[in-house]
Full PDB file with SEQRES, HELIX, SHEET, SSBOND, CRYST1, ORIGX, SCALE, CONECT and MASTER records, all heavy atoms in Angstrom:
SEQRES   1 A   32  PRO GLU LEU VAL THR SER VAL THR ALA ALA ARG LYS GLY          
SEQRES   2 A   32  GLU ASN ASP MET ALA VAL GLY ASN VAL ILE GLY SER ASN          
SEQRES   3 A   32  ILE PHE ASN VAL LEU GLY                                      
HELIX    1 AA1 GLU A    2  ARG A   11  1                                  10    
HELIX    2 AA2 ASN A   15  LEU A   31  1                                  17    
CRYST1    1.000    1.000    1.000  90.00  90.00  90.00 P 1           1          
ORIGX1      1.000000  0.000000  0.000000        0.00000                         
ORIGX2      0.000000  1.000000  0.000000        0.00000                         
ORIGX3      0.000000  0.000000  1.000000        0.00000                         
SCALE1      1.000000  0.000000  0.000000        0.00000                         
SCALE2      0.000000  1.000000  0.000000        0.00000                         
SCALE3      0.000000  0.000000  1.000000        0.00000                         
ATOM      1  N   PRO A   1      15.829 -19.835   9.524  1.00  0.00           N  
ATOM      2  CA  PRO A   1      16.619 -19.653   8.300  1.00  0.00           C  
ATOM      3  C   PRO A   1      16.408 -18.275   7.481  1.00  0.00           C  
ATOM      4  O   PRO A   1      17.424 -17.740   7.090  1.00  0.00           O  
ATOM      5  CB  PRO A   1      16.216 -20.850   7.444  1.00  0.00           C  
ATOM      6  CG  PRO A   1      15.691 -21.808   8.371  1.00  0.00           C  
ATOM      7  CD  PRO A   1      15.094 -20.961   9.547  1.00  0.00           C  
ATOM      8  N   GLU A   2      15.143 -17.930   7.390  1.00  0.00           N  
ATOM      9  CA  GLU A   2      14.918 -16.619   6.743  1.00  0.00           C  
ATOM     10  C   GLU A   2      15.498 -15.435   7.569  1.00  0.00           C  
ATOM     11  O   GLU A   2      16.019 -14.553   6.888  1.00  0.00           O  
ATOM     12  CB  GLU A   2      13.378 -16.448   6.653  1.00  0.00           C  
ATOM     13  CG  GLU A   2      12.727 -17.291   5.586  1.00  0.00           C  
ATOM     14  CD  GLU A   2      12.219 -18.600   6.086  1.00  0.00           C  
ATOM     15  OE1 GLU A   2      12.798 -18.983   7.296  1.00  0.00           O  
ATOM     16  OE2 GLU A   2      11.413 -19.280   5.386  1.00  0.00           O  
ATOM     17  N   LEU A   3      15.436 -15.492   8.889  1.00  0.00           N  
ATOM     18  CA  LEU A   3      15.971 -14.389   9.620  1.00  0.00           C  
ATOM     19  C   LEU A   3      17.455 -14.292   9.480  1.00  0.00           C  
ATOM     20  O   LEU A   3      17.972 -13.210   9.205  1.00  0.00           O  
ATOM     21  CB  LEU A   3      15.571 -14.631  11.156  1.00  0.00           C  
ATOM     22  CG  LEU A   3      16.154 -13.650  12.113  1.00  0.00           C  
ATOM     23  CD1 LEU A   3      15.593 -12.245  11.893  1.00  0.00           C  
ATOM     24  CD2 LEU A   3      15.865 -14.088  13.692  1.00  0.00           C  
ATOM     25  N   VAL A   4      18.217 -15.465   9.541  1.00  0.00           N  
ATOM     26  CA  VAL A   4      19.657 -15.452   9.433  1.00  0.00           C  
ATOM     27  C   VAL A   4      20.038 -14.942   8.050  1.00  0.00           C  
ATOM     28  O   VAL A   4      20.933 -14.099   7.839  1.00  0.00           O  
ATOM     29  CB  VAL A   4      20.219 -16.816   9.753  1.00  0.00           C  
ATOM     30  CG1 VAL A   4      21.754 -16.806   9.414  1.00  0.00           C  
ATOM     31  CG2 VAL A   4      20.054 -17.163  11.231  1.00  0.00           C  
ATOM     32  N   THR A   5      19.355 -15.557   6.964  1.00  0.00           N  
ATOM     33  CA  THR A   5      19.675 -15.256   5.703  1.00  0.00           C  
ATOM     34  C   THR A   5      19.520 -13.797   5.314  1.00  0.00           C  
ATOM     35  O   THR A   5      20.398 -13.047   4.712  1.00  0.00           O  
ATOM     36  CB  THR A   5      18.847 -16.101   4.661  1.00  0.00           C  
ATOM     37  OG1 THR A   5      19.046 -17.465   4.918  1.00  0.00           O  
ATOM     38  CG2 THR A   5      19.237 -15.782   3.172  1.00  0.00           C  
ATOM     39  N   SER A   6      18.367 -13.195   5.759  1.00  0.00           N  
ATOM     40  CA  SER A   6      17.996 -11.889   5.343  1.00  0.00           C  
ATOM     41  C   SER A   6      18.852 -10.863   6.121  1.00  0.00           C  
ATOM     42  O   SER A   6      19.249  -9.881   5.609  1.00  0.00           O  
ATOM     43  CB  SER A   6      16.606 -11.633   5.603  1.00  0.00           C  
ATOM     44  OG  SER A   6      15.721 -12.326   4.698  1.00  0.00           O  
ATOM     45  N   VAL A   7      19.037 -11.063   7.450  1.00  0.00           N  
ATOM     46  CA  VAL A   7      19.815 -10.143   8.311  1.00  0.00           C  
ATOM     47  C   VAL A   7      21.272 -10.107   7.689  1.00  0.00           C  
ATOM     48  O   VAL A   7      21.954  -9.054   7.587  1.00  0.00           O  
ATOM     49  CB  VAL A   7      19.806 -10.531   9.714  1.00  0.00           C  
ATOM     50  CG1 VAL A   7      20.835  -9.802  10.509  1.00  0.00           C  
ATOM     51  CG2 VAL A   7      18.479 -10.247  10.295  1.00  0.00           C  
ATOM     52  N   THR A   8      21.852 -11.351   7.369  1.00  0.00           N  
ATOM     53  CA  THR A   8      23.207 -11.401   6.814  1.00  0.00           C  
ATOM     54  C   THR A   8      23.274 -10.611   5.541  1.00  0.00           C  
ATOM     55  O   THR A   8      24.186  -9.882   5.325  1.00  0.00           O  
ATOM     56  CB  THR A   8      23.599 -12.825   6.610  1.00  0.00           C  
ATOM     57  OG1 THR A   8      23.527 -13.593   7.844  1.00  0.00           O  
ATOM     58  CG2 THR A   8      25.113 -12.832   6.050  1.00  0.00           C  
ATOM     59  N   ALA A   9      22.287 -10.763   4.717  1.00  0.00           N  
ATOM     60  CA  ALA A   9      22.264  -9.974   3.380  1.00  0.00           C  
ATOM     61  C   ALA A   9      22.126  -8.464   3.626  1.00  0.00           C  
ATOM     62  O   ALA A   9      22.747  -7.646   2.944  1.00  0.00           O  
ATOM     63  CB  ALA A   9      20.948 -10.429   2.500  1.00  0.00           C  
ATOM     64  N   ALA A  10      21.226  -8.150   4.608  1.00  0.00           N  
ATOM     65  CA  ALA A  10      21.076  -6.673   4.883  1.00  0.00           C  
ATOM     66  C   ALA A  10      22.400  -6.061   5.446  1.00  0.00           C  
ATOM     67  O   ALA A  10      22.759  -4.996   5.068  1.00  0.00           O  
ATOM     68  CB  ALA A  10      19.959  -6.475   5.926  1.00  0.00           C  
ATOM     69  N   ARG A  11      23.155  -6.820   6.201  1.00  0.00           N  
ATOM     70  CA  ARG A  11      24.328  -6.352   6.812  1.00  0.00           C  
ATOM     71  C   ARG A  11      25.433  -6.113   5.703  1.00  0.00           C  
ATOM     72  O   ARG A  11      26.293  -5.262   5.843  1.00  0.00           O  
ATOM     73  CB  ARG A  11      24.856  -7.238   7.910  1.00  0.00           C  
ATOM     74  CG  ARG A  11      24.021  -7.268   9.162  1.00  0.00           C  
ATOM     75  CD  ARG A  11      24.605  -8.251  10.259  1.00  0.00           C  
ATOM     76  NE  ARG A  11      25.936  -7.700  10.683  1.00  0.00           N  
ATOM     77  CZ  ARG A  11      26.686  -8.302  11.467  1.00  0.00           C  
ATOM     78  NH1 ARG A  11      26.251  -9.558  11.995  1.00  0.00           N  
ATOM     79  NH2 ARG A  11      27.805  -7.886  11.896  1.00  0.00           N  
ATOM     80  N   LYS A  12      25.327  -6.893   4.690  1.00  0.00           N  
ATOM     81  CA  LYS A  12      26.258  -6.807   3.606  1.00  0.00           C  
ATOM     82  C   LYS A  12      25.789  -5.797   2.554  1.00  0.00           C  
ATOM     83  O   LYS A  12      26.373  -5.692   1.489  1.00  0.00           O  
ATOM     84  CB  LYS A  12      26.395  -8.183   2.926  1.00  0.00           C  
ATOM     85  CG  LYS A  12      27.214  -9.130   3.851  1.00  0.00           C  
ATOM     86  CD  LYS A  12      27.372 -10.485   3.140  1.00  0.00           C  
ATOM     87  CE  LYS A  12      28.070 -11.402   4.078  1.00  0.00           C  
ATOM     88  NZ  LYS A  12      28.242 -12.788   3.371  1.00  0.00           N  
ATOM     89  N   GLY A  13      24.579  -5.161   2.710  1.00  0.00           N  
ATOM     90  CA  GLY A  13      24.040  -4.186   1.824  1.00  0.00           C  
ATOM     91  C   GLY A  13      23.312  -4.750   0.688  1.00  0.00           C  
ATOM     92  O   GLY A  13      22.815  -4.091  -0.254  1.00  0.00           O  
ATOM     93  N   GLU A  14      22.955  -6.100   0.709  1.00  0.00           N  
ATOM     94  CA  GLU A  14      22.227  -6.732  -0.324  1.00  0.00           C  
ATOM     95  C   GLU A  14      20.736  -6.824   0.116  1.00  0.00           C  
ATOM     96  O   GLU A  14      20.173  -7.804   0.438  1.00  0.00           O  
ATOM     97  CB  GLU A  14      22.724  -8.241  -0.421  1.00  0.00           C  
ATOM     98  CG  GLU A  14      24.140  -8.483  -0.846  1.00  0.00           C  
ATOM     99  CD  GLU A  14      24.303  -8.045  -2.274  1.00  0.00           C  
ATOM    100  OE1 GLU A  14      23.315  -7.939  -2.941  1.00  0.00           O  
ATOM    101  OE2 GLU A  14      25.483  -7.979  -2.751  1.00  0.00           O  
ATOM    102  N   ASN A  15      20.163  -5.649   0.115  1.00  0.00           N  
ATOM    103  CA  ASN A  15      18.745  -5.504   0.551  1.00  0.00           C  
ATOM    104  C   ASN A  15      17.812  -6.133  -0.317  1.00  0.00           C  
ATOM    105  O   ASN A  15      16.750  -6.634   0.159  1.00  0.00           O  
ATOM    106  CB  ASN A  15      18.423  -4.007   0.794  1.00  0.00           C  
ATOM    107  CG  ASN A  15      18.964  -3.426   2.152  1.00  0.00           C  
ATOM    108  OD1 ASN A  15      19.128  -4.027   3.030  1.00  0.00           O  
ATOM    109  ND2 ASN A  15      19.283  -2.150   2.031  1.00  0.00           N  
ATOM    110  N   ASP A  16      18.067  -6.127  -1.679  1.00  0.00           N  
ATOM    111  CA  ASP A  16      17.240  -6.738  -2.553  1.00  0.00           C  
ATOM    112  C   ASP A  16      17.051  -8.300  -2.285  1.00  0.00           C  
ATOM    113  O   ASP A  16      15.929  -8.821  -2.254  1.00  0.00           O  
ATOM    114  CB  ASP A  16      17.692  -6.648  -4.033  1.00  0.00           C  
ATOM    115  CG  ASP A  16      17.339  -5.289  -4.571  1.00  0.00           C  
ATOM    116  OD1 ASP A  16      16.716  -4.461  -3.943  1.00  0.00           O  
ATOM    117  OD2 ASP A  16      17.918  -4.973  -5.646  1.00  0.00           O  
ATOM    118  N   MET A  17      18.167  -8.856  -1.891  1.00  0.00           N  
ATOM    119  CA  MET A  17      18.180 -10.251  -1.448  1.00  0.00           C  
ATOM    120  C   MET A  17      17.367 -10.476  -0.202  1.00  0.00           C  
ATOM    121  O   MET A  17      16.633 -11.397  -0.080  1.00  0.00           O  
ATOM    122  CB  MET A  17      19.575 -10.820  -1.331  1.00  0.00           C  
ATOM    123  CG  MET A  17      19.641 -12.336  -0.955  1.00  0.00           C  
ATOM    124  SD  MET A  17      21.351 -12.851  -0.788  1.00  0.00           S  
ATOM    125  CE  MET A  17      22.005 -12.576  -2.454  1.00  0.00           C  
ATOM    126  N   ALA A  18      17.492  -9.542   0.736  1.00  0.00           N  
ATOM    127  CA  ALA A  18      16.929  -9.636   1.983  1.00  0.00           C  
ATOM    128  C   ALA A  18      15.345  -9.591   1.850  1.00  0.00           C  
ATOM    129  O   ALA A  18      14.672 -10.482   2.406  1.00  0.00           O  
ATOM    130  CB  ALA A  18      17.390  -8.483   3.028  1.00  0.00           C  
ATOM    131  N   VAL A  19      14.863  -8.609   1.189  1.00  0.00           N  
ATOM    132  CA  VAL A  19      13.418  -8.497   1.025  1.00  0.00           C  
ATOM    133  C   VAL A  19      12.919  -9.580   0.002  1.00  0.00           C  
ATOM    134  O   VAL A  19      11.750 -10.023   0.263  1.00  0.00           O  
ATOM    135  CB  VAL A  19      13.042  -7.062   0.468  1.00  0.00           C  
ATOM    136  CG1 VAL A  19      13.446  -6.865  -0.925  1.00  0.00           C  
ATOM    137  CG2 VAL A  19      11.474  -6.887   0.566  1.00  0.00           C  
ATOM    138  N   GLY A  20      13.589  -9.939  -0.927  1.00  0.00           N  
ATOM    139  CA  GLY A  20      13.228 -10.976  -1.850  1.00  0.00           C  
ATOM    140  C   GLY A  20      13.059 -12.341  -1.174  1.00  0.00           C  
ATOM    141  O   GLY A  20      12.111 -13.141  -1.409  1.00  0.00           O  
ATOM    142  N   ASN A  21      13.942 -12.656  -0.213  1.00  0.00           N  
ATOM    143  CA  ASN A  21      13.771 -13.781   0.596  1.00  0.00           C  
ATOM    144  C   ASN A  21      12.631 -13.891   1.490  1.00  0.00           C  
ATOM    145  O   ASN A  21      11.982 -14.864   1.432  1.00  0.00           O  
ATOM    146  CB  ASN A  21      15.156 -13.950   1.494  1.00  0.00           C  
ATOM    147  CG  ASN A  21      15.149 -15.292   2.361  1.00  0.00           C  
ATOM    148  OD1 ASN A  21      14.876 -16.328   1.891  1.00  0.00           O  
ATOM    149  ND2 ASN A  21      15.336 -15.056   3.597  1.00  0.00           N  
ATOM    150  N   VAL A  22      12.227 -12.734   2.046  1.00  0.00           N  
ATOM    151  CA  VAL A  22      11.059 -12.704   2.861  1.00  0.00           C  
ATOM    152  C   VAL A  22       9.789 -12.787   2.018  1.00  0.00           C  
ATOM    153  O   VAL A  22       8.834 -13.645   2.354  1.00  0.00           O  
ATOM    154  CB  VAL A  22      11.021 -11.296   3.492  1.00  0.00           C  
ATOM    155  CG1 VAL A  22       9.694 -11.167   4.232  1.00  0.00           C  
ATOM    156  CG2 VAL A  22      12.076 -11.250   4.617  1.00  0.00           C  
ATOM    157  N   ILE A  23       9.676 -12.087   0.951  1.00  0.00           N  
ATOM    158  CA  ILE A  23       8.461 -12.140   0.164  1.00  0.00           C  
ATOM    159  C   ILE A  23       8.291 -13.554  -0.581  1.00  0.00           C  
ATOM    160  O   ILE A  23       7.211 -14.115  -0.569  1.00  0.00           O  
ATOM    161  CB  ILE A  23       8.397 -11.010  -0.979  1.00  0.00           C  
ATOM    162  CG1 ILE A  23       8.608  -9.622  -0.224  1.00  0.00           C  
ATOM    163  CG2 ILE A  23       7.170 -11.021  -1.751  1.00  0.00           C  
ATOM    164  CD1 ILE A  23       7.446  -9.409   0.801  1.00  0.00           C  
ATOM    165  N   GLY A  24       9.480 -14.068  -1.064  1.00  0.00           N  
ATOM    166  CA  GLY A  24       9.450 -15.377  -1.692  1.00  0.00           C  
ATOM    167  C   GLY A  24       9.074 -16.412  -0.873  1.00  0.00           C  
ATOM    168  O   GLY A  24       8.306 -17.290  -1.120  1.00  0.00           O  
ATOM    169  N   SER A  25       9.583 -16.303   0.441  1.00  0.00           N  
ATOM    170  CA  SER A  25       9.263 -17.393   1.459  1.00  0.00           C  
ATOM    171  C   SER A  25       7.710 -17.246   1.793  1.00  0.00           C  
ATOM    172  O   SER A  25       7.164 -18.344   1.892  1.00  0.00           O  
ATOM    173  CB  SER A  25      10.126 -17.177   2.711  1.00  0.00           C  
ATOM    174  OG  SER A  25       9.742 -18.068   3.556  1.00  0.00           O  
ATOM    175  N   ASN A  26       7.243 -16.041   1.896  1.00  0.00           N  
ATOM    176  CA  ASN A  26       5.807 -16.041   2.209  1.00  0.00           C  
ATOM    177  C   ASN A  26       4.960 -16.535   1.125  1.00  0.00           C  
ATOM    178  O   ASN A  26       3.902 -17.162   1.447  1.00  0.00           O  
ATOM    179  CB  ASN A  26       5.483 -14.442   2.563  1.00  0.00           C  
ATOM    180  CG  ASN A  26       5.970 -14.017   3.994  1.00  0.00           C  
ATOM    181  OD1 ASN A  26       6.677 -14.754   4.676  1.00  0.00           O  
ATOM    182  ND2 ASN A  26       5.552 -12.941   4.397  1.00  0.00           N  
ATOM    183  N   ILE A  27       5.287 -16.333  -0.023  1.00  0.00           N  
ATOM    184  CA  ILE A  27       4.593 -16.824  -1.203  1.00  0.00           C  
ATOM    185  C   ILE A  27       4.525 -18.301  -1.181  1.00  0.00           C  
ATOM    186  O   ILE A  27       3.527 -19.056  -1.269  1.00  0.00           O  
ATOM    187  CB  ILE A  27       5.023 -16.239  -2.540  1.00  0.00           C  
ATOM    188  CG1 ILE A  27       4.765 -14.807  -2.612  1.00  0.00           C  
ATOM    189  CG2 ILE A  27       4.452 -16.969  -3.683  1.00  0.00           C  
ATOM    190  CD1 ILE A  27       5.353 -14.183  -3.843  1.00  0.00           C  
ATOM    191  N   PHE A  28       5.676 -18.899  -0.978  1.00  0.00           N  
ATOM    192  CA  PHE A  28       5.884 -20.292  -0.985  1.00  0.00           C  
ATOM    193  C   PHE A  28       5.194 -20.928   0.239  1.00  0.00           C  
ATOM    194  O   PHE A  28       4.571 -22.021   0.147  1.00  0.00           O  
ATOM    195  CB  PHE A  28       7.395 -20.865  -0.834  1.00  0.00           C  
ATOM    196  CG  PHE A  28       7.641 -22.260  -0.915  1.00  0.00           C  
ATOM    197  CD1 PHE A  28       7.717 -22.839  -2.206  1.00  0.00           C  
ATOM    198  CD2 PHE A  28       7.759 -22.981   0.153  1.00  0.00           C  
ATOM    199  CE1 PHE A  28       7.890 -24.218  -2.225  1.00  0.00           C  
ATOM    200  CE2 PHE A  28       7.885 -24.318   0.145  1.00  0.00           C  
ATOM    201  CZ  PHE A  28       8.043 -25.033  -1.142  1.00  0.00           C  
ATOM    202  N   ASN A  29       5.236 -20.282   1.385  1.00  0.00           N  
ATOM    203  CA  ASN A  29       4.557 -20.810   2.505  1.00  0.00           C  
ATOM    204  C   ASN A  29       3.075 -20.998   2.327  1.00  0.00           C  
ATOM    205  O   ASN A  29       2.459 -21.971   2.721  1.00  0.00           O  
ATOM    206  CB  ASN A  29       4.787 -19.965   3.794  1.00  0.00           C  
ATOM    207  CG  ASN A  29       6.147 -19.999   4.277  1.00  0.00           C  
ATOM    208  OD1 ASN A  29       6.907 -20.833   4.015  1.00  0.00           O  
ATOM    209  ND2 ASN A  29       6.486 -19.052   5.169  1.00  0.00           N  
ATOM    210  N   VAL A  30       2.424 -19.982   1.759  1.00  0.00           N  
ATOM    211  CA  VAL A  30       0.943 -20.055   1.596  1.00  0.00           C  
ATOM    212  C   VAL A  30       0.525 -20.900   0.465  1.00  0.00           C  
ATOM    213  O   VAL A  30      -0.271 -21.832   0.590  1.00  0.00           O  
ATOM    214  CB  VAL A  30       0.297 -18.592   1.373  1.00  0.00           C  
ATOM    215  CG1 VAL A  30      -1.149 -18.699   1.049  1.00  0.00           C  
ATOM    216  CG2 VAL A  30       0.560 -17.701   2.553  1.00  0.00           C  
ATOM    217  N   LEU A  31       1.083 -20.726  -0.696  1.00  0.00           N  
ATOM    218  CA  LEU A  31       0.791 -21.440  -1.848  1.00  0.00           C  
ATOM    219  C   LEU A  31       1.215 -22.880  -1.907  1.00  0.00           C  
ATOM    220  O   LEU A  31       0.504 -23.845  -2.215  1.00  0.00           O  
ATOM    221  CB  LEU A  31       1.255 -20.723  -3.169  1.00  0.00           C  
ATOM    222  CG  LEU A  31       0.696 -19.349  -3.350  1.00  0.00           C  
ATOM    223  CD1 LEU A  31       1.249 -18.753  -4.755  1.00  0.00           C  
ATOM    224  CD2 LEU A  31      -0.815 -19.324  -3.471  1.00  0.00           C  
ATOM    225  N   GLY A  32       2.587 -23.003  -1.411  1.00  0.00           N  
ATOM    226  CA  GLY A  32       3.100 -24.417  -1.450  1.00  0.00           C  
ATOM    227  C   GLY A  32       2.798 -25.231  -0.242  1.00  0.00           C  
ATOM    228  O   GLY A  32       2.364 -26.373  -0.382  1.00  0.00           O  
TER     229      GLY A  32                                                      
MASTER        0    0    0    2    0    0    0    6  228    1    0    3          
END                                                                             
């Protein structure tokens, strides 16, 4: 899900969303 979401965002030029999805997911994975 993260791969599809971030790559789709990057292709549309939404790089903030792409990197935010990765970092946010990593935080949630460890802490949550």
